[in-house]
Amino acid sequence: MSWKHFLYMNYWFTQPDTARYSIALIWWIIFAVLIVIGIVCSFLAKRGAFKLSPRALHSFASLGVTMGLLGALFFYFRQKQAYFFAWRFWFLIWFVGLLVWLGTILWHVFRRVTASAEEKKEELLRTQYLPKSKA
């Protein structure tokens, strides 16, 4: 397959052939791994046994489960050759959505969480020498 196919609208909006067994197996494993990652992150968020904030873990959990199920659904439609839902542009939308969602979660984890941790550290240094109430 040539990269030139990606530039034509006909490629994105036509009915694709079903995937061969080895390729289909790889896609199903990818979707299953996403779902398992989502379940594990949800479990870790409830237990609080991880360095990341529970909010970030819940975000990773919802990303994994949602994108795993949506990807599996679109791939199922492709394998069954359902008319509109089997087109390749659904996987393009799915992949772009996955990247955007993952990017926002990572931005939150690396920018906002580290900034709030630094603010807490500065607040602790400021209040360290202030008198405390006796009550």
N, C-alpha and C. Protein backbone atom coordinates (compact mmCIF):
# COMPACT_ATOMS: atom_id res chain seq x y z
N MET A 1 0.84 -1.18 0.00
CA MET A 1 0.00 0.00 0.00
C MET A 1 0.88 1.24 0.00
N SER A 2 0.51 2.19 -0.78
CA SER A 2 1.29 3.41 -0.92
C SER A 2 0.72 4.50 0.00
N TRP A 3 1.59 5.42 0.40
CA TRP A 3 1.16 6.54 1.24
C TRP A 3 0.27 7.51 0.47
N LYS A 4 0.30 7.44 -0.84
CA LYS A 4 -0.51 8.34 -1.65
C LYS A 4 -2.01 8.10 -1.47
N HIS A 5 -2.36 6.89 -1.07
CA HIS A 5 -3.78 6.58 -0.86
C HIS A 5 -4.40 7.45 0.22
N PHE A 6 -3.61 7.82 1.21
CA PHE A 6 -4.13 8.62 2.32
C PHE A 6 -4.56 10.02 1.87
N LEU A 7 -4.08 10.47 0.73
CA LEU A 7 -4.40 11.82 0.26
C LEU A 7 -5.71 11.90 -0.51
N TYR A 8 -6.28 10.78 -0.86
CA TYR A 8 -7.50 10.78 -1.65
C TYR A 8 -8.71 10.53 -0.77
N MET A 9 -9.77 11.29 -0.98
CA MET A 9 -10.99 11.14 -0.20
C MET A 9 -11.65 9.78 -0.46
N ASN A 10 -11.45 9.26 -1.65
CA ASN A 10 -12.03 7.98 -1.99
C ASN A 10 -11.53 6.88 -1.06
N TYR A 11 -10.28 7.00 -0.60
CA TYR A 11 -9.72 5.99 0.32
C TYR A 11 -10.47 6.00 1.65
N TRP A 12 -10.78 7.17 2.18
CA TRP A 12 -11.38 7.29 3.50
C TRP A 12 -12.86 6.97 3.52
N PHE A 13 -13.55 7.17 2.38
CA PHE A 13 -15.00 7.04 2.37
C PHE A 13 -15.50 5.89 1.49
N THR A 14 -14.74 4.83 1.38
CA THR A 14 -15.18 3.64 0.66
C THR A 14 -15.20 2.46 1.62
N GLN A 15 -15.87 1.44 1.20
CA GLN A 15 -15.99 0.23 2.01
C GLN A 15 -14.68 -0.55 1.97
N PRO A 16 -14.00 -0.73 3.12
CA PRO A 16 -12.74 -1.50 3.10
C PRO A 16 -13.02 -3.00 3.12
N ASP A 17 -12.03 -3.75 2.72
CA ASP A 17 -12.12 -5.21 2.82
C ASP A 17 -11.96 -5.60 4.28
N THR A 18 -12.36 -6.80 4.59
CA THR A 18 -12.16 -7.28 5.96
C THR A 18 -10.67 -7.51 6.18
N ALA A 19 -10.26 -7.36 7.42
CA ALA A 19 -8.85 -7.54 7.75
C ALA A 19 -8.52 -9.04 7.81
N ARG A 20 -7.29 -9.36 7.43
CA ARG A 20 -6.85 -10.74 7.54
C ARG A 20 -6.74 -11.14 9.00
N TYR A 21 -6.63 -12.42 9.24
CA TYR A 21 -6.66 -12.94 10.61
C TYR A 21 -5.56 -12.35 11.50
N SER A 22 -4.34 -12.28 10.99
CA SER A 22 -3.23 -11.78 11.82
C SER A 22 -3.41 -10.30 12.14
N ILE A 23 -3.83 -9.52 11.17
CA ILE A 23 -4.05 -8.09 11.41
C ILE A 23 -5.25 -7.89 12.34
N ALA A 24 -6.29 -8.66 12.13
CA ALA A 24 -7.47 -8.56 13.00
C ALA A 24 -7.12 -8.92 14.43
N LEU A 25 -6.30 -9.92 14.61
CA LEU A 25 -5.88 -10.31 15.95
C LEU A 25 -5.09 -9.20 16.63
N ILE A 26 -4.23 -8.54 15.89
CA ILE A 26 -3.46 -7.43 16.45
C ILE A 26 -4.39 -6.30 16.89
N TRP A 27 -5.37 -5.96 16.06
CA TRP A 27 -6.33 -4.90 16.43
C TRP A 27 -7.13 -5.28 17.66
N TRP A 28 -7.61 -6.53 17.73
CA TRP A 28 -8.38 -6.95 18.90
C TRP A 28 -7.52 -6.91 20.16
N ILE A 29 -6.26 -7.27 20.05
CA ILE A 29 -5.36 -7.21 21.21
C ILE A 29 -5.16 -5.77 21.65
N ILE A 30 -5.00 -4.85 20.70
CA ILE A 30 -4.84 -3.44 21.05
C ILE A 30 -6.06 -2.92 21.80
N PHE A 31 -7.24 -3.26 21.31
CA PHE A 31 -8.46 -2.79 21.98
C PHE A 31 -8.62 -3.44 23.35
N ALA A 32 -8.28 -4.72 23.47
CA ALA A 32 -8.36 -5.39 24.77
C ALA A 32 -7.37 -4.79 25.76
N VAL A 33 -6.17 -4.45 25.29
CA VAL A 33 -5.17 -3.83 26.16
C VAL A 33 -5.67 -2.47 26.64
N LEU A 34 -6.29 -1.69 25.77
CA LEU A 34 -6.85 -0.40 26.19
C LEU A 34 -7.90 -0.58 27.27
N ILE A 35 -8.77 -1.56 27.11
CA ILE A 35 -9.82 -1.80 28.10
C ILE A 35 -9.21 -2.26 29.42
N VAL A 36 -8.23 -3.14 29.37
CA VAL A 36 -7.57 -3.62 30.59
C VAL A 36 -6.84 -2.48 31.29
N ILE A 37 -6.18 -1.62 30.53
CA ILE A 37 -5.51 -0.45 31.13
C ILE A 37 -6.53 0.43 31.83
N GLY A 38 -7.68 0.62 31.21
CA GLY A 38 -8.73 1.41 31.84
C GLY A 38 -9.22 0.81 33.13
N ILE A 39 -9.41 -0.50 33.16
CA ILE A 39 -9.88 -1.16 34.38
C ILE A 39 -8.82 -1.10 35.47
N VAL A 40 -7.57 -1.32 35.12
CA VAL A 40 -6.48 -1.26 36.11
C VAL A 40 -6.34 0.15 36.67
N CYS A 41 -6.42 1.17 35.82
CA CYS A 41 -6.32 2.55 36.30
C CYS A 41 -7.49 2.90 37.21
N SER A 42 -8.66 2.41 36.91
CA SER A 42 -9.81 2.64 37.78
C SER A 42 -9.60 1.99 39.14
N PHE A 43 -9.08 0.78 39.13
CA PHE A 43 -8.80 0.08 40.38
C PHE A 43 -7.74 0.82 41.20
N LEU A 44 -6.68 1.28 40.53
CA LEU A 44 -5.63 2.01 41.24
C LEU A 44 -6.13 3.34 41.78
N ALA A 45 -7.03 3.99 41.06
CA ALA A 45 -7.57 5.26 41.54
C ALA A 45 -8.41 5.06 42.79
N LYS A 46 -9.15 3.98 42.85
CA LYS A 46 -9.97 3.71 44.03
C LYS A 46 -9.13 3.33 45.23
N ARG A 47 -8.02 2.62 45.00
CA ARG A 47 -7.16 2.19 46.09
C ARG A 47 -6.21 3.29 46.55
N GLY A 48 -5.91 4.23 45.65
CA GLY A 48 -4.98 5.30 46.00
C GLY A 48 -3.56 4.82 46.17
N ALA A 49 -3.19 3.75 45.51
CA ALA A 49 -1.87 3.14 45.69
C ALA A 49 -0.94 3.46 44.52
N PHE A 50 -0.98 4.70 44.06
CA PHE A 50 -0.13 5.06 42.93
C PHE A 50 0.24 6.53 43.07
N LYS A 51 1.36 6.93 42.45
CA LYS A 51 1.84 8.30 42.60
C LYS A 51 0.94 9.33 41.94
N LEU A 52 0.28 8.97 40.85
CA LEU A 52 -0.58 9.93 40.15
C LEU A 52 -1.81 10.28 40.98
N SER A 53 -2.37 11.42 40.69
CA SER A 53 -3.58 11.82 41.39
C SER A 53 -4.74 10.93 40.97
N PRO A 54 -5.70 10.74 41.85
CA PRO A 54 -6.86 9.91 41.49
C PRO A 54 -7.62 10.46 40.29
N ARG A 55 -7.64 11.78 40.15
CA ARG A 55 -8.34 12.38 39.01
C ARG A 55 -7.66 11.98 37.70
N ALA A 56 -6.33 11.99 37.67
CA ALA A 56 -5.60 11.58 36.46
C ALA A 56 -5.82 10.11 36.17
N LEU A 57 -5.83 9.28 37.21
CA LEU A 57 -6.07 7.86 37.00
C LEU A 57 -7.48 7.59 36.49
N HIS A 58 -8.46 8.33 37.02
CA HIS A 58 -9.83 8.20 36.51
C HIS A 58 -9.89 8.63 35.04
N SER A 59 -9.14 9.66 34.69
CA SER A 59 -9.11 10.10 33.29
C SER A 59 -8.50 9.03 32.40
N PHE A 60 -7.40 8.42 32.84
CA PHE A 60 -6.80 7.33 32.07
C PHE A 60 -7.75 6.14 31.98
N ALA A 61 -8.49 5.88 33.05
CA ALA A 61 -9.44 4.77 33.05
C ALA A 61 -10.56 5.01 32.05
N SER A 62 -11.12 6.21 32.05
CA SER A 62 -12.21 6.49 31.11
C SER A 62 -11.68 6.51 29.67
N LEU A 63 -10.46 6.99 29.47
CA LEU A 63 -9.86 6.96 28.13
C LEU A 63 -9.71 5.53 27.65
N GLY A 64 -9.14 4.67 28.46
CA GLY A 64 -8.89 3.30 28.05
C GLY A 64 -10.16 2.53 27.74
N VAL A 65 -11.14 2.62 28.63
CA VAL A 65 -12.37 1.86 28.43
C VAL A 65 -13.16 2.42 27.25
N THR A 66 -13.30 3.74 27.17
CA THR A 66 -14.09 4.32 26.09
C THR A 66 -13.46 4.08 24.73
N MET A 67 -12.18 4.36 24.61
CA MET A 67 -11.52 4.19 23.32
C MET A 67 -11.37 2.71 22.95
N GLY A 68 -11.18 1.86 23.92
CA GLY A 68 -11.12 0.43 23.64
C GLY A 68 -12.44 -0.10 23.11
N LEU A 69 -13.54 0.31 23.75
CA LEU A 69 -14.86 -0.15 23.30
C LEU A 69 -15.25 0.46 21.96
N LEU A 70 -14.98 1.76 21.78
CA LEU A 70 -15.31 2.39 20.49
C LEU A 70 -14.48 1.80 19.35
N GLY A 71 -13.21 1.60 19.59
CA GLY A 71 -12.36 1.00 18.56
C GLY A 71 -12.81 -0.42 18.22
N ALA A 72 -13.15 -1.19 19.25
CA ALA A 72 -13.63 -2.55 18.99
C ALA A 72 -14.95 -2.52 18.22
N LEU A 73 -15.81 -1.57 18.53
CA LEU A 73 -17.08 -1.45 17.82
C LEU A 73 -16.87 -1.10 16.35
N PHE A 74 -16.01 -0.12 16.09
CA PHE A 74 -15.73 0.24 14.70
C PHE A 74 -15.05 -0.90 13.94
N PHE A 75 -14.16 -1.61 14.61
CA PHE A 75 -13.50 -2.73 13.95
C PHE A 75 -14.48 -3.87 13.69
N TYR A 76 -15.41 -4.08 14.61
CA TYR A 76 -16.44 -5.10 14.40
C TYR A 76 -17.28 -4.74 13.17
N PHE A 77 -17.66 -3.47 13.06
CA PHE A 77 -18.43 -3.04 11.89
C PHE A 77 -17.62 -3.25 10.60
N ARG A 78 -16.32 -3.02 10.69
CA ARG A 78 -15.50 -3.24 9.50
C ARG A 78 -15.47 -4.71 9.12
N GLN A 79 -15.33 -5.58 10.10
CA GLN A 79 -15.27 -7.00 9.81
C GLN A 79 -16.61 -7.52 9.29
N LYS A 80 -17.71 -6.94 9.74
CA LYS A 80 -19.03 -7.35 9.26
C LYS A 80 -19.43 -6.61 7.99
N GLN A 81 -18.58 -5.71 7.53
CA GLN A 81 -18.79 -4.89 6.33
C GLN A 81 -20.12 -4.13 6.37
N ALA A 82 -20.39 -3.55 7.53
CA ALA A 82 -21.55 -2.67 7.65
C ALA A 82 -21.27 -1.42 6.83
N TYR A 83 -22.28 -0.90 6.18
CA TYR A 83 -22.05 0.15 5.21
C TYR A 83 -21.43 1.39 5.86
N PHE A 84 -22.00 2.28 6.40
CA PHE A 84 -21.46 3.57 6.83
C PHE A 84 -20.43 3.46 7.95
N PHE A 85 -20.64 2.56 8.90
CA PHE A 85 -19.76 2.50 10.07
C PHE A 85 -18.45 1.76 9.83
N ALA A 86 -18.27 1.17 8.69
CA ALA A 86 -17.03 0.45 8.40
C ALA A 86 -16.02 1.31 7.66
N TRP A 87 -16.39 2.50 7.29
CA TRP A 87 -15.48 3.35 6.53
C TRP A 87 -14.27 3.72 7.36
N ARG A 88 -13.16 3.96 6.67
CA ARG A 88 -11.89 4.20 7.34
C ARG A 88 -11.84 5.52 8.10
N PHE A 89 -12.65 6.49 7.73
CA PHE A 89 -12.56 7.78 8.41
C PHE A 89 -12.98 7.67 9.87
N TRP A 90 -13.76 6.63 10.24
CA TRP A 90 -14.10 6.45 11.65
C TRP A 90 -12.86 6.11 12.47
N PHE A 91 -11.98 5.31 11.90
CA PHE A 91 -10.73 5.02 12.61
C PHE A 91 -9.84 6.26 12.68
N LEU A 92 -9.88 7.10 11.67
CA LEU A 92 -9.13 8.35 11.71
C LEU A 92 -9.67 9.25 12.82
N ILE A 93 -10.98 9.38 12.90
CA ILE A 93 -11.59 10.19 13.97
C ILE A 93 -11.28 9.57 15.33
N TRP A 94 -11.34 8.24 15.42
CA TRP A 94 -11.03 7.55 16.67
C TRP A 94 -9.59 7.82 17.09
N PHE A 95 -8.65 7.73 16.15
CA PHE A 95 -7.24 7.93 16.46
C PHE A 95 -6.95 9.37 16.86
N VAL A 96 -7.52 10.33 16.15
CA VAL A 96 -7.33 11.74 16.51
C VAL A 96 -7.93 12.02 17.88
N GLY A 97 -9.12 11.47 18.15
CA GLY A 97 -9.73 11.62 19.47
C GLY A 97 -8.88 11.02 20.57
N LEU A 98 -8.29 9.87 20.30
CA LEU A 98 -7.40 9.23 21.27
C LEU A 98 -6.19 10.11 21.57
N LEU A 99 -5.59 10.66 20.53
CA LEU A 99 -4.41 11.52 20.73
C LEU A 99 -4.76 12.80 21.48
N VAL A 100 -5.87 13.43 21.13
CA VAL A 100 -6.27 14.67 21.80
C VAL A 100 -6.59 14.40 23.27
N TRP A 101 -7.34 13.35 23.53
CA TRP A 101 -7.71 13.01 24.90
C TRP A 101 -6.47 12.68 25.73
N LEU A 102 -5.58 11.88 25.17
CA LEU A 102 -4.34 11.54 25.86
C LEU A 102 -3.48 12.77 26.09
N GLY A 103 -3.45 13.67 25.10
CA GLY A 103 -2.68 14.91 25.26
C GLY A 103 -3.20 15.79 26.37
N THR A 104 -4.53 15.91 26.50
CA THR A 104 -5.09 16.73 27.57
C THR A 104 -4.83 16.10 28.94
N ILE A 105 -4.88 14.79 29.01
CA ILE A 105 -4.60 14.13 30.30
C ILE A 105 -3.13 14.34 30.68
N LEU A 106 -2.24 14.14 29.72
CA LEU A 106 -0.82 14.32 30.01
C LEU A 106 -0.49 15.77 30.33
N TRP A 107 -1.16 16.71 29.66
CA TRP A 107 -0.95 18.12 29.99
C TRP A 107 -1.38 18.38 31.43
N HIS A 108 -2.50 17.83 31.81
CA HIS A 108 -2.97 18.01 33.19
C HIS A 108 -1.98 17.41 34.19
N VAL A 109 -1.48 16.22 33.88
CA VAL A 109 -0.57 15.55 34.81
C VAL A 109 0.74 16.30 34.93
N PHE A 110 1.34 16.68 33.81
CA PHE A 110 2.68 17.27 33.86
C PHE A 110 2.69 18.76 34.16
N ARG A 111 1.65 19.48 33.80
CA ARG A 111 1.65 20.93 34.03
C ARG A 111 0.91 21.31 35.31
N ARG A 112 -0.32 20.90 35.41
CA ARG A 112 -1.14 21.36 36.51
C ARG A 112 -0.82 20.67 37.82
N VAL A 113 -0.60 19.37 37.80
CA VAL A 113 -0.34 18.63 39.04
C VAL A 113 1.02 19.01 39.61
N THR A 114 2.03 19.12 38.75
CA THR A 114 3.35 19.52 39.26
C THR A 114 3.32 20.96 39.75
N ALA A 115 2.56 21.83 39.09
CA ALA A 115 2.46 23.22 39.56
C ALA A 115 1.76 23.28 40.91
N SER A 116 0.71 22.51 41.10
CA SER A 116 0.02 22.53 42.39
C SER A 116 0.88 21.91 43.49
N ALA A 117 1.71 20.93 43.15
CA ALA A 117 2.62 20.35 44.14
C ALA A 117 3.67 21.37 44.56
N GLU A 118 4.16 22.15 43.61
CA GLU A 118 5.12 23.20 43.97
C GLU A 118 4.46 24.28 44.82
N GLU A 119 3.22 24.62 44.52
CA GLU A 119 2.51 25.61 45.33
C GLU A 119 2.32 25.10 46.76
N LYS A 120 2.00 23.84 46.93
CA LYS A 120 1.85 23.28 48.27
C LYS A 120 3.17 23.29 49.02
N LYS A 121 4.26 23.02 48.30
CA LYS A 121 5.58 23.04 48.93
C LYS A 121 5.94 24.45 49.39
N GLU A 122 5.66 25.44 48.56
CA GLU A 122 5.92 26.84 48.93
C GLU A 122 5.06 27.27 50.10
N GLU A 123 3.81 26.84 50.13
CA GLU A 123 2.91 27.18 51.23
C GLU A 123 3.40 26.56 52.53
N LEU A 124 3.89 25.35 52.47
CA LEU A 124 4.44 24.70 53.65
C LEU A 124 5.67 25.44 54.16
N LEU A 125 6.53 25.89 53.25
CA LEU A 125 7.71 26.66 53.67
C LEU A 125 7.30 27.99 54.29
N ARG A 126 6.27 28.62 53.74
CA ARG A 126 5.82 29.90 54.28
C ARG A 126 5.19 29.75 55.66
N THR A 127 4.40 28.71 55.84
CA THR A 127 3.70 28.55 57.11
C THR A 127 4.52 27.80 58.16
N GLN A 128 5.70 27.37 57.80
CA GLN A 128 6.52 26.60 58.72
C GLN A 128 6.89 27.41 59.98
N TYR A 129 7.17 28.67 59.80
CA TYR A 129 7.64 29.48 60.93
C TYR A 129 6.55 30.38 61.49
N LEU A 130 5.35 30.31 60.97
CA LEU A 130 4.26 31.10 61.51
C LEU A 130 3.72 30.44 62.76
N PRO A 131 3.27 31.24 63.72
CA PRO A 131 2.73 30.64 64.94
C PRO A 131 1.42 29.90 64.64
N LYS A 132 1.22 28.82 65.35
CA LYS A 132 0.02 28.03 65.18
C LYS A 132 -0.94 28.30 66.33
N SER A 133 -2.22 28.13 66.05
CA SER A 133 -3.21 28.37 67.11
C SER A 133 -3.12 27.24 68.15
N LYS A 134 -3.43 27.59 69.40
CA LYS A 134 -3.29 26.62 70.48
C LYS A 134 -4.58 25.82 70.68
N ALA A 135 -5.59 26.15 69.96
CA ALA A 135 -6.86 25.46 70.17
C ALA A 135 -6.94 24.16 69.47
